[in-house]
Amino acid sequence: MPKKFRFAVQTSRGRSREEWQEKARKIEDLGFSSLLIPDHFDDQLAPMPAMMAAADATTTLRVGGLVLDNDYKHPLVQAKEAATLDLLSGGRLELGLGAGWMETDYVASGIPYDPPGVRISRFVEGLKIIKGLLSDEPVDFAGKFYTIKNHNGTPKPVQKPVPILIGGGGKRVLSIAGREANIISVNYNLAPGAVNAEVMGTGDEASTREKLGWIRAAAGDRFDEIELSVTVFVSIVTDDRNTVVERMAGGMNTTPDAVLASPHNTIGSVDQIVEALQERRESFGFSYIAFSGDRFEALAPVVKKLAGT
């Protein structure tokens, strides 16, 4: 039995409190489930305060990171901020976590850009600590990267448990997600540290099926409990899909069929997009769709047709 559709907007820019909160209210009013914020050092709002401001302006809208970089905050700090946000939002946090990937963030901040294996190993430790501190029990942990000494995380979150979203596109991270996450956001494989042709090639249909296989193998019996999510980076509502897709295919050095088959694209009329998302849920299991950017008003008719079905 497929999970019911729900939808998020991944957005991160606001020039004022009023603009940001009005955006959050509009996203809620249009029927989206969540507002999700990336975690980078370029021109965007800082995720945690932006989430809190969005939650303050709304009543049902869930807020979360897509995703928060483990390397930017000590896991004890991250857990405390997450619990506080969940408490003050009335239990509306989706705690999105990842191992970090964008090299320019590390260069700008001076944070060491360790090899992927090191960053992922550190993420594994951070994830264990965060989950422990969000529980009711004190945490004692001694690892290679972190040490926690008999600390009981406070405040306690409203949600028990706080849903953990893990995003990634490589085998090791998605396997960790299969074992640990409530929600898994299947992404491009961002190991190169920047978006390039190599990365874009990992978002096709065949790569997506391979990623889902890694998740299923790691999840075992809990696979059916996991909510599978995908971020749609190109969302274009148009009555001339063929022209748009052919132009995109030429720019990406691929075929129109490949553009349409990628779960990271939705292009076409409202009915065509609705049909594509239904087919992807049937084929891949994606029921939680995050539209990246601020074109959410154009996509509202899609949400109206599918949310909760």
C-alpha atoms as a PDB file:
ATOM      1  CA  MET A   1       0.000   0.000   0.000  1.00  0.00           C
ATOM      2  CA  PRO A   2       1.684   3.248  -1.091  1.00  0.00           C
ATOM      3  CA  LYS A   3       2.064   6.055   1.406  1.00  0.00           C
ATOM      4  CA  LYS A   4      -0.061   9.150   0.917  1.00  0.00           C
ATOM      5  CA  PHE A   5       1.428  12.080  -0.909  1.00  0.00           C
ATOM      6  CA  ARG A   6       2.680  15.081   0.938  1.00  0.00           C
ATOM      7  CA  PHE A   7       4.647  18.015  -0.364  1.00  0.00           C
ATOM      8  CA  ALA A   8       7.359  20.389   0.808  1.00  0.00           C
ATOM      9  CA  VAL A   9       8.955  23.560  -0.474  1.00  0.00           C
ATOM     10  CA  GLN A  10      12.730  23.812  -0.185  1.00  0.00           C
ATOM     11  CA  THR A  11      13.480  27.512   0.037  1.00  0.00           C
ATOM     12  CA  SER A  12      15.952  29.675   1.906  1.00  0.00           C
ATOM     13  CA  ARG A  13      15.806  33.352   1.001  1.00  0.00           C
ATOM     14  CA  GLY A  14      13.953  36.230   2.578  1.00  0.00           C
ATOM     15  CA  ARG A  15      14.856  39.915   2.634  1.00  0.00           C
ATOM     16  CA  SER A  16      12.904  40.682   5.780  1.00  0.00           C
ATOM     17  CA  ARG A  17      10.986  39.043   8.596  1.00  0.00           C
ATOM     18  CA  GLU A  18       7.714  40.071   6.978  1.00  0.00           C
ATOM     19  CA  GLU A  19       8.631  38.620   3.587  1.00  0.00           C
ATOM     20  CA  TRP A  20       9.855  35.336   5.040  1.00  0.00           C
ATOM     21  CA  GLN A  21       6.861  34.817   7.272  1.00  0.00           C
ATOM     22  CA  GLU A  22       4.437  35.733   4.516  1.00  0.00           C
ATOM     23  CA  LYS A  23       6.124  33.129   2.320  1.00  0.00           C
ATOM     24  CA  ALA A  24       5.695  30.523   5.051  1.00  0.00           C
ATOM     25  CA  ARG A  25       2.012  31.368   5.486  1.00  0.00           C
ATOM     26  CA  LYS A  26       1.441  31.143   1.741  1.00  0.00           C
ATOM     27  CA  ILE A  27       3.160  27.740   1.564  1.00  0.00           C
ATOM     28  CA  GLU A  28       0.910  26.520   4.379  1.00  0.00           C
ATOM     29  CA  ASP A  29      -2.240  27.979   2.820  1.00  0.00           C
ATOM     30  CA  LEU A  30      -1.488  26.295  -0.515  1.00  0.00           C
ATOM     31  CA  GLY A  31      -1.561  22.874   1.123  1.00  0.00           C
ATOM     32  CA  PHE A  32       2.131  22.072   1.442  1.00  0.00           C
ATOM     33  CA  SER A  33       3.099  19.960   4.436  1.00  0.00           C
ATOM     34  CA  SER A  34       6.552  21.390   5.090  1.00  0.00           C
ATOM     35  CA  LEU A  35       9.054  24.154   4.546  1.00  0.00           C
ATOM     36  CA  LEU A  36      12.585  22.758   4.266  1.00  0.00           C
ATOM     37  CA  ILE A  37      15.806  24.771   4.310  1.00  0.00           C
ATOM     38  CA  PRO A  38      19.262  23.820   2.992  1.00  0.00           C
ATOM     39  CA  ASP A  39      22.399  24.475   5.045  1.00  0.00           C
ATOM     40  CA  HIS A  40      25.040  26.465   3.185  1.00  0.00           C
ATOM     41  CA  PHE A  41      27.109  29.584   3.761  1.00  0.00           C
ATOM     42  CA  ASP A  42      26.110  31.370   0.560  1.00  0.00           C
ATOM     43  CA  ASP A  43      23.208  33.790   0.136  1.00  0.00           C
ATOM     44  CA  GLN A  44      20.552  32.150   2.292  1.00  0.00           C
ATOM     45  CA  LEU A  45      18.994  32.441   5.732  1.00  0.00           C
ATOM     46  CA  ALA A  46      20.488  30.418   8.568  1.00  0.00           C
ATOM     47  CA  PRO A  47      18.334  27.298   8.886  1.00  0.00           C
ATOM     48  CA  MET A  48      17.436  27.089  12.593  1.00  0.00           C
ATOM     49  CA  PRO A  49      16.258  30.682  13.174  1.00  0.00           C
ATOM     50  CA  ALA A  50      14.519  30.683   9.794  1.00  0.00           C
ATOM     51  CA  MET A  51      12.673  27.490  10.727  1.00  0.00           C
ATOM     52  CA  MET A  52      11.564  29.015  14.019  1.00  0.00           C
ATOM     53  CA  ALA A  53      10.339  32.199  12.324  1.00  0.00           C
ATOM     54  CA  ALA A  54       8.380  30.116   9.801  1.00  0.00           C
ATOM     55  CA  ALA A  55       6.858  27.999  12.557  1.00  0.00           C
ATOM     56  CA  ASP A  56       5.879  31.117  14.496  1.00  0.00           C
ATOM     57  CA  ALA A  57       4.021  32.461  11.470  1.00  0.00           C
ATOM     58  CA  THR A  58       2.035  29.271  10.827  1.00  0.00           C
ATOM     59  CA  THR A  59      -0.025  26.700  12.688  1.00  0.00           C
ATOM     60  CA  THR A  60       0.354  23.354  10.902  1.00  0.00           C
ATOM     61  CA  LEU A  61       3.361  23.792   8.615  1.00  0.00           C
ATOM     62  CA  ARG A  62       6.223  21.462   9.463  1.00  0.00           C
ATOM     63  CA  VAL A  63       9.769  22.804   9.264  1.00  0.00           C
ATOM     64  CA  GLY A  64      13.069  21.079   8.677  1.00  0.00           C
ATOM     65  CA  GLY A  65      16.551  21.107   7.221  1.00  0.00           C
ATOM     66  CA  LEU A  66      17.293  19.569   3.861  1.00  0.00           C
ATOM     67  CA  VAL A  67      19.792  18.860   5.221  1.00  0.00           C
ATOM     68  CA  LEU A  68      21.814  20.185   8.164  1.00  0.00           C
ATOM     69  CA  ASP A  69      25.545  19.520   7.792  1.00  0.00           C
ATOM     70  CA  ASN A  70      26.943  17.477  10.673  1.00  0.00           C
ATOM     71  CA  ASP A  71      30.301  19.255  10.404  1.00  0.00           C
ATOM     72  CA  TYR A  72      28.929  22.732  11.078  1.00  0.00           C
ATOM     73  CA  LYS A  73      27.781  22.112  14.650  1.00  0.00           C
ATOM     74  CA  HIS A  74      28.779  19.791  17.444  1.00  0.00           C
ATOM     75  CA  PRO A  75      26.034  17.140  17.746  1.00  0.00           C
ATOM     76  CA  LEU A  76      25.247  18.136  21.333  1.00  0.00           C
ATOM     77  CA  VAL A  77      24.593  21.706  20.149  1.00  0.00           C
ATOM     78  CA  GLN A  78      22.576  20.448  17.199  1.00  0.00           C
ATOM     79  CA  ALA A  79      20.475  18.211  19.443  1.00  0.00           C
ATOM     80  CA  LYS A  80      19.770  21.006  21.908  1.00  0.00           C
ATOM     81  CA  GLU A  81      18.739  23.411  19.163  1.00  0.00           C
ATOM     82  CA  ALA A  82      16.573  20.757  17.519  1.00  0.00           C
ATOM     83  CA  ALA A  83      14.809  19.878  20.761  1.00  0.00           C
ATOM     84  CA  THR A  84      14.220  23.553  21.499  1.00  0.00           C
ATOM     85  CA  LEU A  85      12.801  24.147  18.037  1.00  0.00           C
ATOM     86  CA  ASP A  86      10.539  21.107  18.293  1.00  0.00           C
ATOM     87  CA  LEU A  87       9.293  22.282  21.687  1.00  0.00           C
ATOM     88  CA  LEU A  88       8.669  25.881  20.631  1.00  0.00           C
ATOM     89  CA  SER A  89       7.016  24.867  17.346  1.00  0.00           C
ATOM     90  CA  GLY A  90       4.629  22.518  19.102  1.00  0.00           C
ATOM     91  CA  GLY A  91       6.194  19.381  17.628  1.00  0.00           C
ATOM     92  CA  ARG A  92       6.592  20.369  13.983  1.00  0.00           C
ATOM     93  CA  LEU A  93      10.278  19.647  13.359  1.00  0.00           C
ATOM     94  CA  GLU A  94      11.638  17.239  10.759  1.00  0.00           C
ATOM     95  CA  LEU A  95      15.320  16.945  11.635  1.00  0.00           C
ATOM     96  CA  GLY A  96      17.143  16.605   8.342  1.00  0.00           C
ATOM     97  CA  LEU A  97      20.789  15.590   8.701  1.00  0.00           C
ATOM     98  CA  GLY A  98      23.666  14.854   6.366  1.00  0.00           C
ATOM     99  CA  ALA A  99      27.428  14.362   6.233  1.00  0.00           C
ATOM    100  CA  GLY A 100      28.187  17.561   4.300  1.00  0.00           C
ATOM    101  CA  TRP A 101      29.234  17.824   0.673  1.00  0.00           C
ATOM    102  CA  MET A 102      29.692  21.328  -0.772  1.00  0.00           C
ATOM    103  CA  GLU A 103      33.405  22.070  -0.924  1.00  0.00           C
ATOM    104  CA  THR A 104      32.958  25.841  -1.228  1.00  0.00           C
ATOM    105  CA  ASP A 105      31.284  25.947   2.201  1.00  0.00           C
ATOM    106  CA  TYR A 106      34.325  24.328   3.762  1.00  0.00           C
ATOM    107  CA  VAL A 107      36.735  26.606   1.904  1.00  0.00           C
ATOM    108  CA  ALA A 108      34.832  29.733   2.949  1.00  0.00           C
ATOM    109  CA  SER A 109      34.621  28.695   6.600  1.00  0.00           C
ATOM    110  CA  GLY A 110      38.026  27.098   7.024  1.00  0.00           C
ATOM    111  CA  ILE A 111      36.394  23.906   8.275  1.00  0.00           C
ATOM    112  CA  PRO A 112      38.593  21.005   7.133  1.00  0.00           C
ATOM    113  CA  TYR A 113      37.160  19.351   4.026  1.00  0.00           C
ATOM    114  CA  ASP A 114      37.998  15.812   4.982  1.00  0.00           C
ATOM    115  CA  PRO A 115      37.599  12.908   2.545  1.00  0.00           C
ATOM    116  CA  PRO A 116      34.017  11.629   2.214  1.00  0.00           C
ATOM    117  CA  GLY A 117      34.727   8.514   4.272  1.00  0.00           C
ATOM    118  CA  VAL A 118      35.913  10.603   7.218  1.00  0.00           C
ATOM    119  CA  ARG A 119      32.974  12.995   7.027  1.00  0.00           C
ATOM    120  CA  ILE A 120      30.533  10.090   6.876  1.00  0.00           C
ATOM    121  CA  SER A 121      32.169   8.323   9.825  1.00  0.00           C
ATOM    122  CA  ARG A 122      31.904  11.543  11.828  1.00  0.00           C
ATOM    123  CA  PHE A 123      28.263  11.840  10.755  1.00  0.00           C
ATOM    124  CA  VAL A 124      27.557   8.319  12.032  1.00  0.00           C
ATOM    125  CA  GLU A 125      28.837   9.294  15.464  1.00  0.00           C
ATOM    126  CA  GLY A 126      26.959  12.597  15.398  1.00  0.00           C
ATOM    127  CA  LEU A 127      23.725  10.889  14.429  1.00  0.00           C
ATOM    128  CA  LYS A 128      24.003   8.410  17.296  1.00  0.00           C
ATOM    129  CA  ILE A 129      24.610  11.223  19.772  1.00  0.00           C
ATOM    130  CA  ILE A 130      21.757  13.364  18.473  1.00  0.00           C
ATOM    131  CA  LYS A 131      19.265  10.501  18.576  1.00  0.00           C
ATOM    132  CA  GLY A 132      20.394   9.666  22.091  1.00  0.00           C
ATOM    133  CA  LEU A 133      20.109  13.223  23.362  1.00  0.00           C
ATOM    134  CA  LEU A 134      16.605  13.567  21.900  1.00  0.00           C
ATOM    135  CA  SER A 135      15.511  10.521  23.900  1.00  0.00           C
ATOM    136  CA  ASP A 136      14.660  10.373  27.586  1.00  0.00           C
ATOM    137  CA  GLU A 137      17.910   8.744  28.659  1.00  0.00           C
ATOM    138  CA  PRO A 138      21.337  10.271  29.408  1.00  0.00           C
ATOM    139  CA  VAL A 139      24.075   9.688  26.849  1.00  0.00           C
ATOM    140  CA  ASP A 140      27.567   8.338  27.431  1.00  0.00           C
ATOM    141  CA  PHE A 141      29.564   8.164  24.235  1.00  0.00           C
ATOM    142  CA  ALA A 142      33.253   7.822  23.434  1.00  0.00           C
ATOM    143  CA  GLY A 143      34.077   7.716  19.747  1.00  0.00           C
ATOM    144  CA  LYS A 144      36.859   8.696  17.412  1.00  0.00           C
ATOM    145  CA  PHE A 145      35.440  12.180  16.852  1.00  0.00           C
ATOM    146  CA  TYR A 146      33.145  12.980  19.785  1.00  0.00           C
ATOM    147  CA  THR A 147      32.888  12.320  23.509  1.00  0.00           C
ATOM    148  CA  ILE A 148      29.728  12.836  25.561  1.00  0.00           C
ATOM    149  CA  LYS A 149      29.885  12.245  29.306  1.00  0.00           C
ATOM    150  CA  ASN A 150      26.636  11.185  30.975  1.00  0.00           C
ATOM    151  CA  HIS A 151      24.653  14.074  29.512  1.00  0.00           C
ATOM    152  CA  ASN A 152      20.863  14.180  29.541  1.00  0.00           C
ATOM    153  CA  GLY A 153      19.692  16.380  26.693  1.00  0.00           C
ATOM    154  CA  THR A 154      17.267  19.162  27.563  1.00  0.00           C
ATOM    155  CA  PRO A 155      14.770  20.487  26.786  1.00  0.00           C
ATOM    156  CA  LYS A 156      12.878  17.391  25.757  1.00  0.00           C
ATOM    157  CA  PRO A 157      11.173  17.581  22.355  1.00  0.00           C
ATOM    158  CA  VAL A 158       7.411  17.290  21.948  1.00  0.00           C
ATOM    159  CA  GLN A 159       7.657  14.528  19.346  1.00  0.00           C
ATOM    160  CA  LYS A 160       8.727  11.110  20.521  1.00  0.00           C
ATOM    161  CA  PRO A 161      10.645  10.446  18.465  1.00  0.00           C
ATOM    162  CA  VAL A 162      11.547  13.518  16.447  1.00  0.00           C
ATOM    163  CA  PRO A 163      11.452  12.255  12.838  1.00  0.00           C
ATOM    164  CA  ILE A 164      14.953  11.981  11.413  1.00  0.00           C
ATOM    165  CA  LEU A 165      15.388  12.723   7.722  1.00  0.00           C
ATOM    166  CA  ILE A 166      18.680  11.675   6.142  1.00  0.00           C
ATOM    167  CA  GLY A 167      19.578  12.865   2.670  1.00  0.00           C
ATOM    168  CA  GLY A 168      22.195  11.484   0.330  1.00  0.00           C
ATOM    169  CA  GLY A 169      23.022   9.825  -2.940  1.00  0.00           C
ATOM    170  CA  GLY A 170      25.922   7.489  -2.208  1.00  0.00           C
ATOM    171  CA  LYS A 171      25.779   3.894  -1.091  1.00  0.00           C
ATOM    172  CA  ARG A 172      27.211   4.365   2.399  1.00  0.00           C
ATOM    173  CA  VAL A 173      24.996   7.303   3.405  1.00  0.00           C
ATOM    174  CA  LEU A 174      21.853   5.716   1.969  1.00  0.00           C
ATOM    175  CA  SER A 175      22.657   2.476   3.759  1.00  0.00           C
ATOM    176  CA  ILE A 176      22.996   4.393   7.031  1.00  0.00           C
ATOM    177  CA  ALA A 177      19.688   6.066   6.237  1.00  0.00           C
ATOM    178  CA  GLY A 178      18.083   2.702   5.598  1.00  0.00           C
ATOM    179  CA  ARG A 179      19.054   1.594   9.089  1.00  0.00           C
ATOM    180  CA  GLU A 180      18.441   4.836  10.981  1.00  0.00           C
ATOM    181  CA  ALA A 181      16.091   7.315   9.272  1.00  0.00           C
ATOM    182  CA  ASN A 182      12.345   7.814   9.386  1.00  0.00           C
ATOM    183  CA  ILE A 183      12.466   9.772   6.127  1.00  0.00           C
ATOM    184  CA  ILE A 184      15.052   9.310   3.385  1.00  0.00           C
ATOM    185  CA  SER A 185      15.660  12.006   0.789  1.00  0.00           C
ATOM    186  CA  VAL A 186      17.211  10.354  -2.267  1.00  0.00           C
ATOM    187  CA  ASN A 187      19.532  12.820  -3.961  1.00  0.00           C
ATOM    188  CA  TYR A 188      22.205  13.018  -6.616  1.00  0.00           C
ATOM    189  CA  ASN A 189      25.537  11.528  -5.592  1.00  0.00           C
ATOM    190  CA  LEU A 190      27.339  14.686  -4.479  1.00  0.00           C
ATOM    191  CA  ALA A 191      30.717  13.102  -3.724  1.00  0.00           C
ATOM    192  CA  PRO A 192      32.578  15.465  -6.127  1.00  0.00           C
ATOM    193  CA  GLY A 193      31.717  18.383  -3.823  1.00  0.00           C
ATOM    194  CA  ALA A 194      30.095  20.538  -6.501  1.00  0.00           C
ATOM    195  CA  VAL A 195      27.258  20.213  -8.986  1.00  0.00           C
ATOM    196  CA  ASN A 196      28.707  19.237 -12.363  1.00  0.00           C
ATOM    197  CA  ALA A 197      28.007  16.923 -15.282  1.00  0.00           C
ATOM    198  CA  GLU A 198      29.242  13.913 -13.334  1.00  0.00           C
ATOM    199  CA  VAL A 199      26.827  14.646 -10.498  1.00  0.00           C
ATOM    200  CA  MET A 200      23.886  15.286 -12.826  1.00  0.00           C
ATOM    201  CA  GLY A 201      24.466  11.879 -14.374  1.00  0.00           C
ATOM    202  CA  THR A 202      23.637  10.226 -11.043  1.00  0.00           C
ATOM    203  CA  GLY A 203      20.033  11.415 -11.048  1.00  0.00           C
ATOM    204  CA  ASP A 204      18.706   9.249 -13.837  1.00  0.00           C
ATOM    205  CA  GLU A 205      16.207   6.417 -13.572  1.00  0.00           C
ATOM    206  CA  ALA A 206      18.776   3.617 -13.395  1.00  0.00           C
ATOM    207  CA  SER A 207      20.836   5.358 -10.695  1.00  0.00           C
ATOM    208  CA  THR A 208      17.699   5.995  -8.673  1.00  0.00           C
ATOM    209  CA  ARG A 209      16.745   2.319  -8.767  1.00  0.00           C
ATOM    210  CA  GLU A 210      20.226   1.392  -7.617  1.00  0.00           C
ATOM    211  CA  LYS A 211      19.973   3.825  -4.687  1.00  0.00           C
ATOM    212  CA  LEU A 212      16.633   2.383  -3.653  1.00  0.00           C
ATOM    213  CA  GLY A 213      18.199  -1.068  -3.739  1.00  0.00           C
ATOM    214  CA  TRP A 214      20.888   0.065  -1.285  1.00  0.00           C
ATOM    215  CA  ILE A 215      18.229   1.463   1.031  1.00  0.00           C
ATOM    216  CA  ARG A 216      16.108  -1.666   0.881  1.00  0.00           C
ATOM    217  CA  ALA A 217      19.085  -3.942   1.564  1.00  0.00           C
ATOM    218  CA  ALA A 218      20.120  -1.917   4.613  1.00  0.00           C
ATOM    219  CA  ALA A 219      16.598  -1.370   5.950  1.00  0.00           C
ATOM    220  CA  GLY A 220      15.510  -4.980   5.904  1.00  0.00           C
ATOM    221  CA  ASP A 221      12.169  -5.470   7.649  1.00  0.00           C
ATOM    222  CA  ARG A 222      11.788  -1.753   8.419  1.00  0.00           C
ATOM    223  CA  PHE A 223      11.793  -0.680   4.762  1.00  0.00           C
ATOM    224  CA  ASP A 224       8.012  -0.316   4.560  1.00  0.00           C
ATOM    225  CA  GLU A 225       8.068   2.043   7.561  1.00  0.00           C
ATOM    226  CA  ILE A 226      10.359   4.523   5.808  1.00  0.00           C
ATOM    227  CA  GLU A 227       8.924   7.549   4.020  1.00  0.00           C
ATOM    228  CA  LEU A 228      10.802   7.963   0.741  1.00  0.00           C
ATOM    229  CA  SER A 229      11.367  11.496  -0.448  1.00  0.00           C
ATOM    230  CA  VAL A 230      12.906  13.158  -3.469  1.00  0.00           C
ATOM    231  CA  THR A 231      13.804  16.771  -4.154  1.00  0.00           C
ATOM    232  CA  VAL A 232      12.606  18.078  -7.499  1.00  0.00           C
ATOM    233  CA  PHE A 233      15.104  20.702  -8.615  1.00  0.00           C
ATOM    234  CA  VAL A 234      13.494  21.530 -11.968  1.00  0.00           C
ATOM    235  CA  SER A 235       9.754  22.210 -11.776  1.00  0.00           C
ATOM    236  CA  ILE A 236       8.194  23.821 -14.829  1.00  0.00           C
ATOM    237  CA  VAL A 237       4.448  24.043 -15.365  1.00  0.00           C
ATOM    238  CA  THR A 238       3.890  24.445 -19.092  1.00  0.00           C
ATOM    239  CA  ASP A 239       1.508  23.427 -21.844  1.00  0.00           C
ATOM    240  CA  ASP A 240       4.450  23.021 -24.220  1.00  0.00           C
ATOM    241  CA  ARG A 241       6.371  20.263 -22.485  1.00  0.00           C
ATOM    242  CA  ASN A 242       8.095  18.970 -25.609  1.00  0.00           C
ATOM    243  CA  THR A 243       9.808  22.268 -26.388  1.00  0.00           C
ATOM    244  CA  VAL A 244      10.998  22.738 -22.806  1.00  0.00           C
ATOM    245  CA  VAL A 245      12.261  19.174 -22.488  1.00  0.00           C
ATOM    246  CA  GLU A 246      14.093  19.250 -25.825  1.00  0.00           C
ATOM    247  CA  ARG A 247      15.828  22.476 -24.805  1.00  0.00           C
ATOM    248  CA  MET A 248      16.845  20.979 -21.462  1.00  0.00           C
ATOM    249  CA  ALA A 249      18.066  17.776 -23.077  1.00  0.00           C
ATOM    250  CA  GLY A 250      20.279  19.741 -25.460  1.00  0.00           C
ATOM    251  CA  GLY A 251      21.794  21.753 -22.618  1.00  0.00           C
ATOM    252  CA  MET A 252      22.423  18.632 -20.519  1.00  0.00           C
ATOM    253  CA  ASN A 253      23.723  16.480 -23.395  1.00  0.00           C
ATOM    254  CA  THR A 254      21.065  13.848 -22.806  1.00  0.00           C
ATOM    255  CA  THR A 255      17.759  12.744 -24.328  1.00  0.00           C
ATOM    256  CA  PRO A 256      14.267  14.152 -23.774  1.00  0.00           C
ATOM    257  CA  ASP A 257      13.155  10.765 -22.431  1.00  0.00           C
ATOM    258  CA  ALA A 258      15.954  10.834 -19.849  1.00  0.00           C
ATOM    259  CA  VAL A 259      14.956  14.340 -18.736  1.00  0.00           C
ATOM    260  CA  LEU A 260      11.367  13.222 -18.218  1.00  0.00           C
ATOM    261  CA  ALA A 261      12.368   9.992 -16.466  1.00  0.00           C
ATOM    262  CA  SER A 262      14.526  11.659 -13.811  1.00  0.00           C
ATOM    263  CA  PRO A 263      12.629  11.980 -10.517  1.00  0.00           C
ATOM    264  CA  HIS A 264      14.442  15.287  -9.959  1.00  0.00           C
ATOM    265  CA  ASN A 265      12.459  16.955 -12.787  1.00  0.00           C
ATOM    266  CA  THR A 266       8.758  17.718 -13.168  1.00  0.00           C
ATOM    267  CA  ILE A 267       7.837  19.345 -16.469  1.00  0.00           C
ATOM    268  CA  GLY A 268       4.496  19.683 -18.187  1.00  0.00           C
ATOM    269  CA  SER A 269       0.916  20.673 -17.574  1.00  0.00           C
ATOM    270  CA  VAL A 270      -0.601  20.193 -14.139  1.00  0.00           C
ATOM    271  CA  ASP A 271      -2.191  16.937 -15.270  1.00  0.00           C
ATOM    272  CA  GLN A 272       1.065  15.698 -16.807  1.00  0.00           C
ATOM    273  CA  ILE A 273       2.965  16.431 -13.602  1.00  0.00           C
ATOM    274  CA  VAL A 274       0.273  14.748 -11.513  1.00  0.00           C
ATOM    275  CA  GLU A 275       0.505  11.657 -13.699  1.00  0.00           C
ATOM    276  CA  ALA A 276       4.322  11.627 -13.523  1.00  0.00           C
ATOM    277  CA  LEU A 277       4.347  11.864  -9.732  1.00  0.00           C
ATOM    278  CA  GLN A 278       1.795   9.081  -9.443  1.00  0.00           C
ATOM    279  CA  GLU A 279       3.901   6.886 -11.724  1.00  0.00           C
ATOM    280  CA  ARG A 280       7.030   7.623  -9.671  1.00  0.00           C
ATOM    281  CA  ARG A 281       5.297   6.727  -6.451  1.00  0.00           C
ATOM    282  CA  GLU A 282       4.265   3.443  -8.022  1.00  0.00           C
ATOM    283  CA  SER A 283       7.685   2.796  -9.517  1.00  0.00           C
ATOM    284  CA  PHE A 284      10.086   4.204  -6.887  1.00  0.00           C
ATOM    285  CA  GLY A 285       7.962   4.676  -3.783  1.00  0.00           C
ATOM    286  CA  PHE A 286       8.438   8.465  -3.599  1.00  0.00           C
ATOM    287  CA  SER A 287       5.485   9.912  -1.692  1.00  0.00           C
ATOM    288  CA  TYR A 288       7.128  12.954  -0.064  1.00  0.00           C
ATOM    289  CA  ILE A 289       7.963  15.442  -2.795  1.00  0.00           C
ATOM    290  CA  ALA A 290      10.076  18.522  -2.081  1.00  0.00           C
ATOM    291  CA  PHE A 291       9.964  21.227  -4.751  1.00  0.00           C
ATOM    292  CA  SER A 292      13.133  23.303  -4.688  1.00  0.00           C
ATOM    293  CA  GLY A 293      12.850  27.054  -5.212  1.00  0.00           C
ATOM    294  CA  ASP A 294      10.066  29.578  -5.112  1.00  0.00           C
ATOM    295  CA  ARG A 295       7.812  28.378  -7.925  1.00  0.00           C
ATOM    296  CA  PHE A 296       5.466  26.815  -5.412  1.00  0.00           C
ATOM    297  CA  GLU A 297       2.433  28.877  -6.406  1.00  0.00           C
ATOM    298  CA  ALA A 298       2.512  27.431  -9.926  1.00  0.00           C
ATOM    299  CA  LEU A 299       2.695  23.953  -8.391  1.00  0.00           C
ATOM    300  CA  ALA A 300      -0.197  24.496  -5.969  1.00  0.00           C
ATOM    301  CA  PRO A 301      -2.747  22.857  -8.320  1.00  0.00           C
ATOM    302  CA  VAL A 302      -0.592  19.705  -8.320  1.00  0.00           C
ATOM    303  CA  VAL A 303      -0.546  19.717  -4.530  1.00  0.00           C
ATOM    304  CA  LYS A 304      -4.288  20.268  -4.394  1.00  0.00           C
ATOM    305  CA  LYS A 305      -4.898  17.215  -6.590  1.00  0.00           C
ATOM    306  CA  LEU A 306      -2.484  14.853  -4.834  1.00  0.00           C
ATOM    307  CA  ALA A 307      -1.850  15.839  -1.206  1.00  0.00           C
ATOM    308  CA  GLY A 308      -3.277  13.233   1.132  1.00  0.00           C
ATOM    309  CA  THR A 309      -4.192  10.794  -1.624  1.00  0.00           C
END
